[in-house]
């Protein structure tokens, strides 16, 4: 009988510790798809992509800068460099007004470059004739 009492006491103690008491329900487990990791590492926020307006604004500023540069080169009588800059500008996406301005500047630079070449040729021809006449 002592043996039954001892077993009953141990059994009662185990039931008290394990089974007596209100069980708290655990939140349901969230299932994660196999192709996605359960926890992702924190990453740096991605830089926002420039919007179409920002790109257009950036291109317009670049066009304006190049056109100003071409005008300055024409004023310095560096017509070939101005034509090179205008070639760069014409490769960009231009508005109709910008296209017209670039075409006008190209025509001016080409006309002035041709004039310089003609004047130089005439000057050299005059020197050659003057040398033949003994002047």
Protein backbone atom coordinates (compact mmCIF):
# COMPACT_ATOMS: atom_id res chain seq x y z
CA UNK A 1 0.00 0.00 0.00
CA UNK A 2 2.85 2.35 0.61
CA UNK A 3 3.91 1.65 -2.87
CA UNK A 4 0.52 2.66 -4.33
CA UNK A 5 0.46 5.77 -2.20
CA UNK A 6 3.94 6.74 -3.42
CA UNK A 7 2.99 6.22 -7.04
CA UNK A 8 -0.24 8.15 -6.57
CA UNK A 9 1.68 11.02 -4.98
CA UNK A 10 4.21 11.14 -7.83
CA UNK A 11 1.42 10.88 -10.38
CA UNK A 12 -0.51 13.68 -8.70
CA UNK A 13 2.60 15.88 -8.63
CA UNK A 14 3.30 15.26 -12.33
CA UNK A 15 -0.31 15.97 -13.28
CA UNK A 16 -0.27 19.14 -11.23
CA UNK A 17 2.84 20.45 -12.92
CA UNK A 18 2.00 19.32 -16.42
CA UNK A 19 -1.72 19.04 -16.78
CA UNK A 20 -3.34 21.38 -14.35
CA UNK A 21 -3.46 24.88 -15.51
CA UNK A 22 -4.96 26.73 -18.35
CA UNK A 23 -3.15 26.24 -21.60
CA UNK A 24 -2.57 29.40 -23.57
CA UNK A 25 -3.19 29.00 -27.21
CA UNK A 26 -0.27 29.74 -29.48
CA UNK A 27 -0.79 31.86 -32.53
CA UNK A 28 -1.14 29.81 -35.68
CA UNK A 29 2.08 29.25 -37.57
CA UNK A 30 2.48 31.30 -40.71
CA UNK A 31 3.47 29.26 -43.67
CA UNK A 32 6.08 30.75 -45.95
CA UNK A 33 6.24 29.69 -49.58
CA UNK A 34 9.27 27.55 -50.29
CA UNK A 35 10.65 29.91 -52.91
CA UNK A 36 10.71 32.89 -50.52
CA UNK A 37 12.89 33.13 -47.43
CA UNK A 38 11.12 33.34 -44.08
CA UNK A 39 13.17 36.33 -42.97
CA UNK A 40 14.81 38.73 -45.33
CA UNK A 41 17.90 40.67 -44.47
CA UNK A 42 17.40 44.39 -44.18
CA UNK A 43 18.56 46.17 -47.30
CA UNK A 44 19.32 49.75 -48.12
CA UNK A 45 16.37 51.57 -49.62
CA UNK A 46 16.55 51.68 -53.38
CA UNK A 47 17.09 55.04 -54.99
CA UNK A 48 13.95 56.14 -56.75
CA UNK A 49 14.13 55.99 -60.52
CA UNK A 50 14.10 59.38 -62.15
CA UNK A 51 10.72 60.29 -63.49
CA UNK A 52 10.09 61.25 -67.08
CA UNK A 53 9.78 64.89 -66.04
CA UNK A 54 13.15 64.79 -64.30
CA UNK A 55 14.78 63.18 -67.34
CA UNK A 56 13.24 65.73 -69.69
CA UNK A 57 14.38 68.53 -67.43
CA UNK A 58 17.88 67.10 -67.31
CA UNK A 59 18.04 66.79 -71.12
CA UNK A 60 16.70 70.34 -71.56
CA UNK A 61 19.40 71.67 -69.24
CA UNK A 62 22.07 69.74 -71.15
CA UNK A 63 20.77 71.07 -74.48
CA UNK A 64 20.74 74.65 -73.18
CA UNK A 65 24.31 74.30 -71.90
CA UNK A 66 25.56 72.92 -75.21
CA UNK A 67 23.75 75.61 -77.23
CA UNK A 68 25.28 78.34 -75.03
CA UNK A 69 28.67 76.72 -75.51
CA UNK A 70 28.21 76.68 -79.31
CA UNK A 71 27.20 80.37 -79.30
CA UNK A 72 30.29 81.25 -77.27
CA UNK A 73 32.51 79.35 -79.72
CA UNK A 74 30.93 81.16 -82.68
CA UNK A 75 31.56 84.51 -80.95
CA UNK A 76 35.22 83.46 -80.47
CA UNK A 77 35.33 82.60 -84.20
CA UNK A 78 36.05 78.93 -83.42
CA UNK A 79 33.54 77.71 -85.98
CA UNK A 80 34.76 74.12 -86.28
CA UNK A 81 34.49 73.55 -82.52
CA UNK A 82 31.02 75.14 -82.59
CA UNK A 83 29.97 72.72 -85.33
CA UNK A 84 31.27 69.79 -83.26
CA UNK A 85 29.22 70.92 -80.24
CA UNK A 86 26.12 71.42 -82.41
CA UNK A 87 26.59 67.89 -83.75
CA UNK A 88 26.42 66.62 -80.15
CA UNK A 89 23.29 68.67 -79.53
CA UNK A 90 21.54 67.39 -82.64
CA UNK A 91 22.03 63.81 -81.39
CA UNK A 92 19.81 64.59 -78.37
CA UNK A 93 16.03 64.64 -78.35
CA UNK A 94 15.14 68.24 -79.19
CA UNK A 95 11.94 70.22 -79.26
CA UNK A 96 11.00 71.80 -82.61
CA UNK A 97 12.20 75.20 -81.31
CA UNK A 98 15.53 73.73 -80.24
CA UNK A 99 15.93 71.98 -83.60
CA UNK A 100 15.36 75.27 -85.43
CA UNK A 101 17.88 77.08 -83.22
CA UNK A 102 20.50 74.35 -83.72
CA UNK A 103 19.97 74.46 -87.50
CA UNK A 104 20.35 78.26 -87.51
CA UNK A 105 23.54 78.07 -85.44
CA UNK A 106 24.93 75.34 -87.72
CA UNK A 107 24.18 77.45 -90.79
CA UNK A 108 25.88 80.47 -89.22
CA UNK A 109 28.96 78.46 -88.22
CA UNK A 110 29.22 76.83 -91.68
CA UNK A 111 28.79 80.17 -93.46
CA UNK A 112 31.45 81.85 -91.30
CA UNK A 113 33.81 78.89 -91.66
CA UNK A 114 33.46 79.04 -95.45
CA UNK A 115 34.04 82.81 -95.37
CA UNK A 116 37.22 82.37 -93.34
CA UNK A 117 38.47 79.71 -95.77
CA UNK A 118 37.68 81.93 -98.77
CA UNK A 119 39.39 84.95 -97.20
CA UNK A 120 42.45 82.88 -96.36
CA UNK A 121 42.65 81.47 -99.90
CA UNK A 122 42.28 84.95 -101.40
CA UNK A 123 45.00 86.31 -99.13
CA UNK A 124 47.39 83.53 -100.08
CA UNK A 125 46.60 83.96 -103.77
CA UNK A 126 47.30 87.70 -103.46
CA UNK A 127 50.65 86.98 -101.86
CA UNK A 128 51.52 84.52 -104.61
CA UNK A 129 50.62 87.00 -107.37
CA UNK A 130 52.45 89.79 -105.57
CA UNK A 131 55.54 87.63 -105.35
CA UNK A 132 55.40 86.88 -109.07
CA UNK A 133 55.13 90.57 -109.95
CA UNK A 134 58.10 91.41 -107.81
CA UNK A 135 56.39 93.46 -105.21
